[in-house]
C-alpha atoms as a PDB file:
ATOM      1  CA  MET A   1    -176.053 -51.378-112.375  1.00  0.00           C
ATOM      2  CA  GLY A   2    -176.957 -52.075-115.928  1.00  0.00           C
ATOM      3  CA  ARG A   3    -176.136 -55.067-118.145  1.00  0.00           C
ATOM      4  CA  LYS A   4    -172.963 -55.121-119.796  1.00  0.00           C
ATOM      5  CA  GLY A   5    -172.210 -56.425-123.341  1.00  0.00           C
ATOM      6  CA  ARG A   6    -173.782 -56.124-126.665  1.00  0.00           C
ATOM      7  CA  PRO A   7    -177.713 -56.301-126.779  1.00  0.00           C
ATOM      8  CA  GLN A   8    -179.300 -59.489-127.945  1.00  0.00           C
ATOM      9  CA  LYS A   9    -180.382 -59.751-131.564  1.00  0.00           C
ATOM     10  CA  PRO A  10    -184.020 -59.739-131.885  1.00  0.00           C
ATOM     11  CA  GLY A  11    -186.167 -62.851-132.701  1.00  0.00           C
ATOM     12  CA  LYS A  12    -187.296 -66.144-131.204  1.00  0.00           C
ATOM     13  CA  ARG A  13    -185.027 -67.979-128.799  1.00  0.00           C
ATOM     14  CA  LYS A  14    -185.056 -71.445-127.531  1.00  0.00           C
ATOM     15  CA  SER A  15    -182.836 -72.257-124.392  1.00  0.00           C
ATOM     16  CA  GLY A  16    -181.343 -68.582-125.000  1.00  0.00           C
ATOM     17  CA  ARG A  17    -180.102 -69.462-128.548  1.00  0.00           C
ATOM     18  CA  PRO A  18    -181.724 -68.081-131.571  1.00  0.00           C
ATOM     19  CA  VAL A  19    -183.956 -70.210-133.486  1.00  0.00           C
ATOM     20  CA  VAL A  20    -183.160 -70.271-137.221  1.00  0.00           C
ATOM     21  CA  ASP A  21    -186.240 -69.880-139.475  1.00  0.00           C
ATOM     22  CA  ARG A  22    -185.846 -72.801-142.043  1.00  0.00           C
ATOM     23  CA  SER A  23    -188.926 -71.777-143.976  1.00  0.00           C
ATOM     24  CA  PHE A  24    -188.105 -71.694-147.983  1.00  0.00           C
ATOM     25  CA  ASP A  25    -188.149 -68.538-149.764  1.00  0.00           C
ATOM     26  CA  ARG A  26    -190.254 -69.074-152.591  1.00  0.00           C
ATOM     27  CA  GLY A  27    -189.243 -65.626-154.066  1.00  0.00           C
ATOM     28  CA  SER A  28    -191.362 -63.187-155.686  1.00  0.00           C
ATOM     29  CA  GLU A  29    -194.708 -63.733-157.303  1.00  0.00           C
ATOM     30  CA  TRP A  30    -193.110 -62.866-160.544  1.00  0.00           C
ATOM     31  CA  VAL A  31    -190.610 -65.724-159.951  1.00  0.00           C
ATOM     32  CA  GLN A  32    -193.212 -68.170-158.605  1.00  0.00           C
ATOM     33  CA  ARG A  33    -195.136 -67.419-162.134  1.00  0.00           C
ATOM     34  CA  GLN A  34    -192.055 -68.223-164.144  1.00  0.00           C
ATOM     35  CA  ARG A  35    -191.376 -71.460-162.035  1.00  0.00           C
ATOM     36  CA  GLU A  36    -195.060 -72.471-162.593  1.00  0.00           C
ATOM     37  CA  ARG A  37    -194.804 -71.872-166.497  1.00  0.00           C
ATOM     38  CA  PHE A  38    -191.276 -73.108-167.057  1.00  0.00           C
ATOM     39  CA  GLY A  39    -190.475 -75.310-164.062  1.00  0.00           C
ATOM     40  CA  GLU A  40    -186.605 -74.969-163.158  1.00  0.00           C
ATOM     41  CA  HIS A  41    -185.851 -73.730-166.292  1.00  0.00           C
ATOM     42  CA  TYR A  42    -186.976 -70.351-165.944  1.00  0.00           C
ATOM     43  CA  GLY A  43    -183.571 -68.715-165.301  1.00  0.00           C
ATOM     44  CA  SER A  44    -182.242 -68.816-168.846  1.00  0.00           C
ATOM     45  CA  ALA A  45    -183.557 -68.145-172.367  1.00  0.00           C
ATOM     46  CA  ILE A  46    -182.503 -71.583-173.750  1.00  0.00           C
ATOM     47  CA  GLY A  47    -184.253 -73.143-170.658  1.00  0.00           C
ATOM     48  CA  ARG A  48    -187.385 -71.294-171.304  1.00  0.00           C
ATOM     49  CA  ALA A  49    -187.425 -72.327-174.970  1.00  0.00           C
ATOM     50  CA  TYR A  50    -186.950 -76.037-174.133  1.00  0.00           C
ATOM     51  CA  ALA A  51    -189.514 -76.124-171.398  1.00  0.00           C
ATOM     52  CA  ALA A  52    -192.135 -74.401-173.874  1.00  0.00           C
ATOM     53  CA  GLY A  53    -191.234 -77.014-176.434  1.00  0.00           C
ATOM     54  CA  LEU A  54    -189.646 -74.654-179.071  1.00  0.00           C
ATOM     55  CA  LEU A  55    -186.452 -76.737-179.255  1.00  0.00           C
ATOM     56  CA  GLY A  56    -188.372 -79.835-180.668  1.00  0.00           C
ATOM     57  CA  ASP A  57    -189.843 -82.739-179.331  1.00  0.00           C
ATOM     58  CA  GLY A  58    -188.515 -85.695-177.097  1.00  0.00           C
ATOM     59  CA  SER A  59    -184.720 -86.459-177.438  1.00  0.00           C
ATOM     60  CA  GLN A  60    -184.083 -83.975-180.130  1.00  0.00           C
ATOM     61  CA  ALA A  61    -185.097 -81.278-177.762  1.00  0.00           C
ATOM     62  CA  LYS A  62    -183.022 -82.545-174.893  1.00  0.00           C
ATOM     63  CA  ASP A  63    -179.961 -82.942-177.117  1.00  0.00           C
ATOM     64  CA  ARG A  64    -180.351 -79.452-178.299  1.00  0.00           C
ATOM     65  CA  PHE A  65    -180.848 -78.131-174.770  1.00  0.00           C
ATOM     66  CA  ASP A  66    -177.608 -80.361-173.471  1.00  0.00           C
ATOM     67  CA  ALA A  67    -175.496 -79.210-176.355  1.00  0.00           C
ATOM     68  CA  ALA A  68    -176.496 -75.614-175.825  1.00  0.00           C
ATOM     69  CA  LYS A  69    -175.837 -75.653-172.046  1.00  0.00           C
ATOM     70  CA  ARG A  70    -172.406 -77.374-172.465  1.00  0.00           C
ATOM     71  CA  PHE A  71    -171.432 -74.731-175.057  1.00  0.00           C
ATOM     72  CA  SER A  72    -172.447 -72.087-172.521  1.00  0.00           C
ATOM     73  CA  ARG A  73    -170.552 -73.679-169.512  1.00  0.00           C
ATOM     74  CA  ALA A  74    -167.402 -74.099-171.518  1.00  0.00           C
ATOM     75  CA  TYR A  75    -167.634 -70.595-173.050  1.00  0.00           C
ATOM     76  CA  MET A  76    -167.962 -69.059-169.539  1.00  0.00           C
ATOM     77  CA  ARG A  77    -165.236 -71.168-168.112  1.00  0.00           C
ATOM     78  CA  ILE A  78    -162.509 -70.804-170.920  1.00  0.00           C
ATOM     79  CA  ILE A  79    -163.270 -67.650-172.811  1.00  0.00           C
ATOM     80  CA  SER A  80    -165.707 -65.228-171.229  1.00  0.00           C
ATOM     81  CA  GLN A  81    -164.567 -62.225-169.029  1.00  0.00           C
ATOM     82  CA  ASP A  82    -167.814 -60.626-168.233  1.00  0.00           C
ATOM     83  CA  ARG A  83    -168.103 -62.020-164.452  1.00  0.00           C
ATOM     84  CA  TYR A  84    -168.296 -59.369-161.894  1.00  0.00           C
ATOM     85  CA  ARG A  85    -165.228 -58.522-160.082  1.00  0.00           C
ATOM     86  CA  CYS A  86    -164.410 -55.620-157.712  1.00  0.00           C
ATOM     87  CA  ALA A  87    -161.556 -53.465-159.263  1.00  0.00           C
ATOM     88  CA  LEU A  88    -160.238 -53.073-155.621  1.00  0.00           C
ATOM     89  CA  ASP A  89    -159.852 -56.871-155.227  1.00  0.00           C
ATOM     90  CA  ARG A  90    -156.259 -57.828-155.779  1.00  0.00           C
ATOM     91  CA  THR A  91    -156.379 -61.264-155.101  1.00  0.00           C
ATOM     92  CA  PRO A  92    -155.295 -63.869-157.641  1.00  0.00           C
ATOM     93  CA  ARG A  93    -158.133 -64.705-160.271  1.00  0.00           C
ATOM     94  CA  GLY A  94    -159.394 -68.239-160.848  1.00  0.00           C
ATOM     95  CA  ASN A  95    -159.684 -71.223-158.755  1.00  0.00           C
ATOM     96  CA  LEU A  96    -156.871 -71.753-156.391  1.00  0.00           C
ATOM     97  CA  ALA A  97    -157.665 -75.200-156.087  1.00  0.00           C
ATOM     98  CA  ILE A  98    -156.723 -76.459-159.644  1.00  0.00           C
ATOM     99  CA  ASP A  99    -156.488 -80.031-160.294  1.00  0.00           C
ATOM    100  CA  LEU A 100    -153.281 -80.754-162.154  1.00  0.00           C
ATOM    101  CA  SER A 101    -153.927 -84.518-162.558  1.00  0.00           C
ATOM    102  CA  PRO A 102    -153.473 -85.679-166.225  1.00  0.00           C
ATOM    103  CA  GLU A 103    -157.040 -86.833-166.352  1.00  0.00           C
ATOM    104  CA  ALA A 104    -158.586 -83.535-165.535  1.00  0.00           C
ATOM    105  CA  ASN A 105    -156.260 -81.600-167.966  1.00  0.00           C
ATOM    106  CA  ALA A 106    -157.120 -84.014-170.471  1.00  0.00           C
ATOM    107  CA  PHE A 107    -160.748 -83.199-169.953  1.00  0.00           C
ATOM    108  CA  GLU A 108    -160.140 -79.736-169.972  1.00  0.00           C
ATOM    109  CA  MET A 109    -158.066 -79.695-173.265  1.00  0.00           C
ATOM    110  CA  GLU A 110    -160.746 -81.942-174.981  1.00  0.00           C
ATOM    111  CA  GLU A 111    -163.550 -79.366-173.692  1.00  0.00           C
ATOM    112  CA  GLN A 112    -161.566 -76.525-175.226  1.00  0.00           C
ATOM    113  CA  GLU A 113    -160.979 -78.262-178.407  1.00  0.00           C
ATOM    114  CA  TRP A 114    -164.637 -78.948-178.615  1.00  0.00           C
ATOM    115  CA  LEU A 115    -165.410 -75.277-177.865  1.00  0.00           C
ATOM    116  CA  PHE A 116    -163.111 -73.991-180.420  1.00  0.00           C
ATOM    117  CA  GLU A 117    -164.589 -76.287-183.275  1.00  0.00           C
ATOM    118  CA  ALA A 118    -168.260 -75.372-182.148  1.00  0.00           C
ATOM    119  CA  LEU A 119    -167.132 -71.732-182.533  1.00  0.00           C
ATOM    120  CA  ASP A 120    -165.660 -72.212-185.843  1.00  0.00           C
ATOM    121  CA  THR A 121    -168.784 -74.067-186.964  1.00  0.00           C
ATOM    122  CA  LEU A 122    -171.238 -71.363-185.814  1.00  0.00           C
ATOM    123  CA  ASP A 123    -168.876 -68.602-187.468  1.00  0.00           C
ATOM    124  CA  ARG A 124    -168.947 -70.701-190.824  1.00  0.00           C
ATOM    125  CA  THR A 125    -172.778 -71.268-190.678  1.00  0.00           C
ATOM    126  CA  GLY A 126    -173.305 -67.559-189.856  1.00  0.00           C
ATOM    127  CA  THR A 127    -175.813 -68.464-186.992  1.00  0.00           C
ATOM    128  CA  ARG A 128    -173.860 -67.499-184.040  1.00  0.00           C
ATOM    129  CA  PRO A 129    -175.661 -64.122-183.321  1.00  0.00           C
ATOM    130  CA  PHE A 130    -178.873 -66.029-183.113  1.00  0.00           C
ATOM    131  CA  PHE A 131    -177.570 -68.634-180.875  1.00  0.00           C
ATOM    132  CA  ASP A 132    -175.845 -66.378-178.571  1.00  0.00           C
ATOM    133  CA  GLN A 133    -179.124 -64.559-177.868  1.00  0.00           C
ATOM    134  CA  LEU A 134    -180.407 -67.738-176.267  1.00  0.00           C
ATOM    135  CA  ILE A 135    -177.283 -68.475-174.105  1.00  0.00           C
ATOM    136  CA  SER A 136    -176.469 -64.870-173.329  1.00  0.00           C
ATOM    137  CA  THR A 137    -176.560 -64.085-169.446  1.00  0.00           C
ATOM    138  CA  LEU A 138    -178.294 -60.606-170.553  1.00  0.00           C
ATOM    139  CA  HIS A 139    -181.464 -62.740-171.157  1.00  0.00           C
ATOM    140  CA  ALA A 140    -181.581 -64.538-167.825  1.00  0.00           C
ATOM    141  CA  ASP A 141    -185.083 -63.219-166.742  1.00  0.00           C
ATOM    142  CA  LYS A 142    -186.554 -62.036-169.967  1.00  0.00           C
ATOM    143  CA  GLY A 143    -185.923 -61.745-173.641  1.00  0.00           C
ATOM    144  CA  PRO A 144    -184.694 -61.977-176.089  1.00  0.00           C
ATOM    145  CA  TYR A 145    -187.636 -60.126-177.551  1.00  0.00           C
ATOM    146  CA  TRP A 146    -188.565 -62.670-180.340  1.00  0.00           C
ATOM    147  CA  LEU A 147    -188.391 -65.716-177.813  1.00  0.00           C
ATOM    148  CA  ASN A 148    -190.825 -63.587-175.502  1.00  0.00           C
ATOM    149  CA  ASN A 149    -193.265 -62.958-178.392  1.00  0.00           C
ATOM    150  CA  LEU A 150    -193.104 -66.737-179.302  1.00  0.00           C
ATOM    151  CA  LEU A 151    -193.562 -67.756-175.560  1.00  0.00           C
ATOM    152  CA  ASN A 152    -196.661 -65.520-175.525  1.00  0.00           C
ATOM    153  CA  GLY A 153    -198.081 -67.212-178.469  1.00  0.00           C
ATOM    154  CA  GLY A 154    -196.972 -64.931-181.106  1.00  0.00           C
ATOM    155  CA  LYS A 155    -196.378 -66.136-184.675  1.00  0.00           C
ATOM    156  CA  HIS A 156    -194.734 -63.544-186.416  1.00  0.00           C
ATOM    157  CA  PRO A 157    -192.732 -64.700-189.318  1.00  0.00           C
ATOM    158  CA  ALA A 158    -189.479 -62.755-188.098  1.00  0.00           C
ATOM    159  CA  ASP A 159    -189.546 -64.191-184.810  1.00  0.00           C
ATOM    160  CA  ILE A 160    -189.924 -67.694-186.261  1.00  0.00           C
ATOM    161  CA  ALA A 161    -187.097 -67.265-188.618  1.00  0.00           C
ATOM    162  CA  VAL A 162    -184.681 -66.045-185.832  1.00  0.00           C
ATOM    163  CA  LEU A 163    -185.770 -69.031-183.884  1.00  0.00           C
ATOM    164  CA  ALA A 164    -185.089 -71.355-186.896  1.00  0.00           C
ATOM    165  CA  ALA A 165    -181.666 -69.733-187.165  1.00  0.00           C
ATOM    166  CA  ALA A 166    -180.910 -70.490-183.681  1.00  0.00           C
ATOM    167  CA  LEU A 167    -182.074 -74.083-184.022  1.00  0.00           C
ATOM    168  CA  LYS A 168    -179.849 -74.177-187.126  1.00  0.00           C
ATOM    169  CA  ALA A 169    -176.845 -73.144-184.944  1.00  0.00           C
ATOM    170  CA  ILE A 170    -177.789 -75.484-182.233  1.00  0.00           C
ATOM    171  CA  ASP A 171    -178.083 -78.578-184.649  1.00  0.00           C
ATOM    172  CA  ALA A 172    -174.447 -77.452-185.979  1.00  0.00           C
ATOM    173  CA  ILE A 173    -172.763 -78.174-182.583  1.00  0.00           C
ATOM    174  CA  THR A 174    -175.029 -80.905-181.377  1.00  0.00           C
ATOM    175  CA  PRO A 175    -173.459 -84.370-181.448  1.00  0.00           C
ATOM    176  CA  LYS A 176    -175.458 -86.636-183.642  1.00  0.00           C
ATOM    177  CA  ARG A 177    -177.253 -89.502-181.831  1.00  0.00           C
ATOM    178  CA  ALA A 178    -176.419 -93.046-183.025  1.00  0.00           C
ATOM    179  CA  VAL A 179    -179.725 -94.349-184.405  1.00  0.00           C
ATOM    180  CA  GLY A 180    -180.097 -97.848-183.016  1.00  0.00           C
ATOM    181  CA  VAL A 181    -182.009-100.667-184.863  1.00  0.00           C
ATOM    182  CA  ILE A 182    -183.365-103.789-183.279  1.00  0.00           C
ATOM    183  CA  ARG A 183    -183.460-106.685-185.497  1.00  0.00           C
ATOM    184  CA  VAL A 184    -185.702-109.513-184.840  1.00  0.00           C
ATOM    185  CA  VAL A 185    -184.505-113.130-185.804  1.00  0.00           C
ATOM    186  CA  ARG A 186    -187.357-115.435-186.163  1.00  0.00           C
ATOM    187  CA  THR A 187    -186.693-119.120-186.104  1.00  0.00           C
END
Protein backbone atom coordinates (compact mmCIF):
# COMPACT_ATOMS: atom_id res chain seq x y z
CA MET A 1 0.00 0.00 0.00
CA GLY A 2 1.30 3.45 -0.94
CA ARG A 3 1.92 6.49 1.18
CA LYS A 4 -1.12 8.61 2.00
CA GLY A 5 -1.37 12.38 2.11
CA ARG A 6 0.25 15.27 0.39
CA PRO A 7 3.76 14.82 -1.02
CA GLN A 8 6.61 16.66 0.71
CA LYS A 9 7.83 19.94 -0.69
CA PRO A 10 11.28 19.72 -2.22
CA GLY A 11 14.27 21.15 -0.44
CA LYS A 12 16.77 20.54 2.33
CA ARG A 13 15.49 19.10 5.59
CA LYS A 14 16.79 18.80 9.10
CA SER A 15 15.04 16.40 11.47
CA GLY A 16 12.22 16.07 8.96
CA ARG A 17 11.50 19.83 8.84
CA PRO A 18 12.30 22.14 5.93
CA VAL A 19 15.43 24.25 6.39
CA VAL A 20 14.75 27.93 5.68
CA ASP A 21 17.31 29.58 3.45
CA ARG A 22 18.26 32.82 5.23
CA SER A 23 20.58 34.15 2.54
CA PHE A 24 19.99 37.79 1.69
CA ASP A 25 18.68 38.55 -1.78
CA ARG A 26 20.85 41.38 -3.03
CA GLY A 27 18.66 42.07 -6.02
CA SER A 28 19.49 42.17 -9.69
CA GLU A 29 22.80 43.40 -11.04
CA TRP A 30 21.14 46.71 -11.90
CA VAL A 31 19.95 47.16 -8.29
CA GLN A 32 23.40 46.28 -6.99
CA ARG A 33 24.97 48.91 -9.27
CA GLN A 34 22.40 51.48 -8.11
CA ARG A 35 23.15 50.67 -4.46
CA GLU A 36 26.88 51.00 -5.07
CA ARG A 37 26.38 54.38 -6.68
CA PHE A 38 23.66 55.92 -4.48
CA GLY A 39 23.66 53.83 -1.31
CA GLU A 40 20.22 53.25 0.19
CA HIS A 41 18.87 56.38 -1.53
CA TYR A 42 18.65 54.68 -4.94
CA GLY A 43 14.86 54.14 -4.77
CA SER A 44 13.69 57.71 -5.40
CA ALA A 45 14.67 60.64 -7.60
CA ILE A 46 15.13 62.94 -4.60
CA GLY A 47 17.30 60.28 -2.94
CA ARG A 48 19.52 59.91 -6.00
CA ALA A 49 19.89 63.68 -6.24
CA TYR A 50 20.79 63.82 -2.53
CA ALA A 51 23.33 60.99 -2.78
CA ALA A 52 24.95 62.61 -5.83
CA GLY A 53 25.33 65.95 -4.04
CA LEU A 54 22.92 67.87 -6.28
CA LEU A 55 20.91 69.21 -3.30
CA GLY A 56 23.82 71.17 -1.91
CA ASP A 57 26.43 70.55 0.76
CA GLY A 58 26.28 69.44 4.38
CA SER A 59 23.33 70.50 6.47
CA GLN A 60 21.72 72.40 3.60
CA ALA A 61 21.44 69.21 1.54
CA LYS A 62 20.14 67.23 4.52
CA ASP A 63 17.53 69.89 5.31
CA ARG A 64 16.36 69.95 1.69
CA PHE A 65 16.20 66.15 1.55
CA ASP A 66 14.27 65.92 4.83
CA ALA A 67 11.77 68.60 3.78
CA ALA A 68 11.14 66.90 0.44
CA LYS A 69 10.65 63.50 2.11
CA ARG A 70 8.31 65.04 4.71
CA PHE A 71 6.25 66.66 1.96
CA SER A 72 6.12 63.41 0.00
CA ARG A 73 5.02 61.33 3.01
CA ALA A 74 2.37 63.86 4.05
CA TYR A 75 1.07 64.23 0.49
CA MET A 76 0.79 60.46 0.03
CA ARG A 77 -0.96 60.02 3.38
CA ILE A 78 -3.37 62.97 3.21
CA ILE A 79 -4.11 63.71 -0.45
CA SER A 80 -2.85 61.12 -2.91
CA GLN A 81 -5.19 58.48 -4.26
CA ASP A 82 -2.74 56.75 -6.58
CA ARG A 83 -2.18 53.72 -4.36
CA TYR A 84 -2.95 50.41 -6.05
CA ARG A 85 -6.12 48.71 -4.93
CA CYS A 86 -8.07 45.87 -6.48
CA ALA A 87 -11.51 46.95 -7.69
CA LEU A 88 -13.03 43.73 -6.34
CA ASP A 89 -11.83 44.39 -2.77
CA ARG A 90 -14.76 45.77 -0.75
CA THR A 91 -13.03 46.01 2.62
CA PRO A 92 -12.93 49.47 4.23
CA ARG A 93 -10.15 51.68 2.98
CA GLY A 94 -7.55 53.16 5.22
CA ASN A 95 -5.94 52.10 8.44
CA LEU A 96 -8.38 50.32 10.72
CA ALA A 97 -6.18 50.86 13.75
CA ILE A 98 -6.69 54.61 13.92
CA ASP A 99 -5.20 56.37 16.90
CA LEU A 100 -7.88 58.76 18.17
CA SER A 101 -5.82 60.23 20.99
CA PRO A 102 -5.74 64.05 21.12
CA GLU A 103 -1.94 64.03 20.71
CA ALA A 104 -2.08 61.96 17.51
CA ASN A 105 -4.94 64.02 16.13
CA ALA A 106 -3.05 67.24 16.93
CA PHE A 107 -0.02 65.92 15.04
CA GLU A 108 -2.17 64.97 12.04
CA MET A 109 -3.82 68.40 12.01
CA GLU A 110 -0.44 70.13 12.28
CA GLU A 111 0.96 68.00 9.46
CA GLN A 112 -2.07 68.72 7.28
CA GLU A 113 -1.77 72.47 7.90
CA TRP A 114 1.93 72.35 7.03
CA LEU A 115 1.18 70.42 3.84
CA PHE A 116 -1.51 72.85 2.67
CA GLU A 117 0.76 75.82 3.40
CA ALA A 118 3.56 74.13 1.47
CA LEU A 119 1.25 73.44 -1.48
CA ASP A 120 0.14 77.06 -1.49
CA THR A 121 3.75 78.25 -1.37
CA LEU A 122 4.76 75.96 -4.23
CA ASP A 123 1.81 77.11 -6.33
CA ARG A 124 2.60 80.79 -5.66
CA THR A 125 6.25 80.36 -6.65
CA GLY A 126 5.31 78.39 -9.77
CA THR A 127 7.90 75.70 -9.05
CA ARG A 128 5.67 72.79 -8.09
CA PRO A 129 5.93 70.91 -11.45
CA PHE A 130 9.71 70.72 -11.09
CA PHE A 131 9.52 69.61 -7.45
CA ASP A 132 6.83 67.03 -8.26
CA GLN A 133 9.23 65.36 -10.69
CA LEU A 134 11.68 64.74 -7.85
CA ILE A 135 9.16 63.19 -5.44
CA SER A 136 6.92 61.38 -7.91
CA THR A 137 6.58 57.61 -7.53
CA LEU A 138 6.82 57.43 -11.33
CA HIS A 139 10.53 58.11 -10.99
CA ALA A 140 11.33 55.49 -8.38
CA ASP A 141 13.90 53.67 -10.51
CA LYS A 142 14.81 56.09 -13.28
CA GLY A 143 14.18 59.64 -14.24
CA PRO A 144 13.22 62.31 -14.60
CA TYR A 145 15.17 62.71 -17.83
CA TRP A 146 16.95 65.91 -16.78
CA LEU A 147 18.08 64.34 -13.49
CA ASN A 148 19.43 61.28 -15.30
CA ASN A 149 21.43 63.61 -17.55
CA LEU A 150 22.90 65.45 -14.56
CA LEU A 151 23.69 62.22 -12.70
CA ASN A 152 25.51 60.93 -15.77
CA GLY A 153 27.74 64.00 -15.93
CA GLY A 154 25.68 66.13 -18.30
CA LYS A 155 25.87 69.93 -18.04
CA HIS A 156 23.09 71.00 -20.39
CA PRO A 157 21.77 74.47 -19.39
CA ALA A 158 18.14 73.33 -19.57
CA ASP A 159 18.79 70.45 -17.14
CA ILE A 160 20.60 72.78 -14.76
CA ALA A 161 17.73 75.29 -14.98
CA VAL A 162 15.14 72.62 -14.08
CA LEU A 163 17.29 71.51 -11.13
CA ALA A 164 17.55 75.14 -9.99
CA ALA A 165 13.75 75.50 -10.15
CA ALA A 166 13.31 72.28 -8.17
CA LEU A 167 15.79 73.52 -5.54
CA LYS A 168 13.91 76.82 -5.35
CA ALA A 169 10.74 74.82 -4.63
CA ILE A 170 12.44 72.78 -1.94
CA ASP A 171 13.90 75.91 -0.36
CA ALA A 172 10.43 77.45 -0.26
CA ILE A 173 9.12 74.63 1.96
CA THR A 174 12.28 73.91 3.96
CA PRO A 175 12.16 75.32 7.48
CA LYS A 176 14.89 77.84 8.06
CA ARG A 177 17.64 76.60 10.35
CA ALA A 178 18.52 78.93 13.18
CA VAL A 179 22.07 80.15 12.89
CA GLY A 180 23.88 79.67 16.15
CA VAL A 181 26.58 82.03 17.28
CA ILE A 182 29.09 81.08 19.93
CA ARG A 183 30.30 84.03 21.90
CA VAL A 184 33.57 83.88 23.72
CA VAL A 185 34.03 86.07 26.73
CA ARG A 186 37.60 86.78 27.60
CA THR A 187 38.39 87.67 31.13
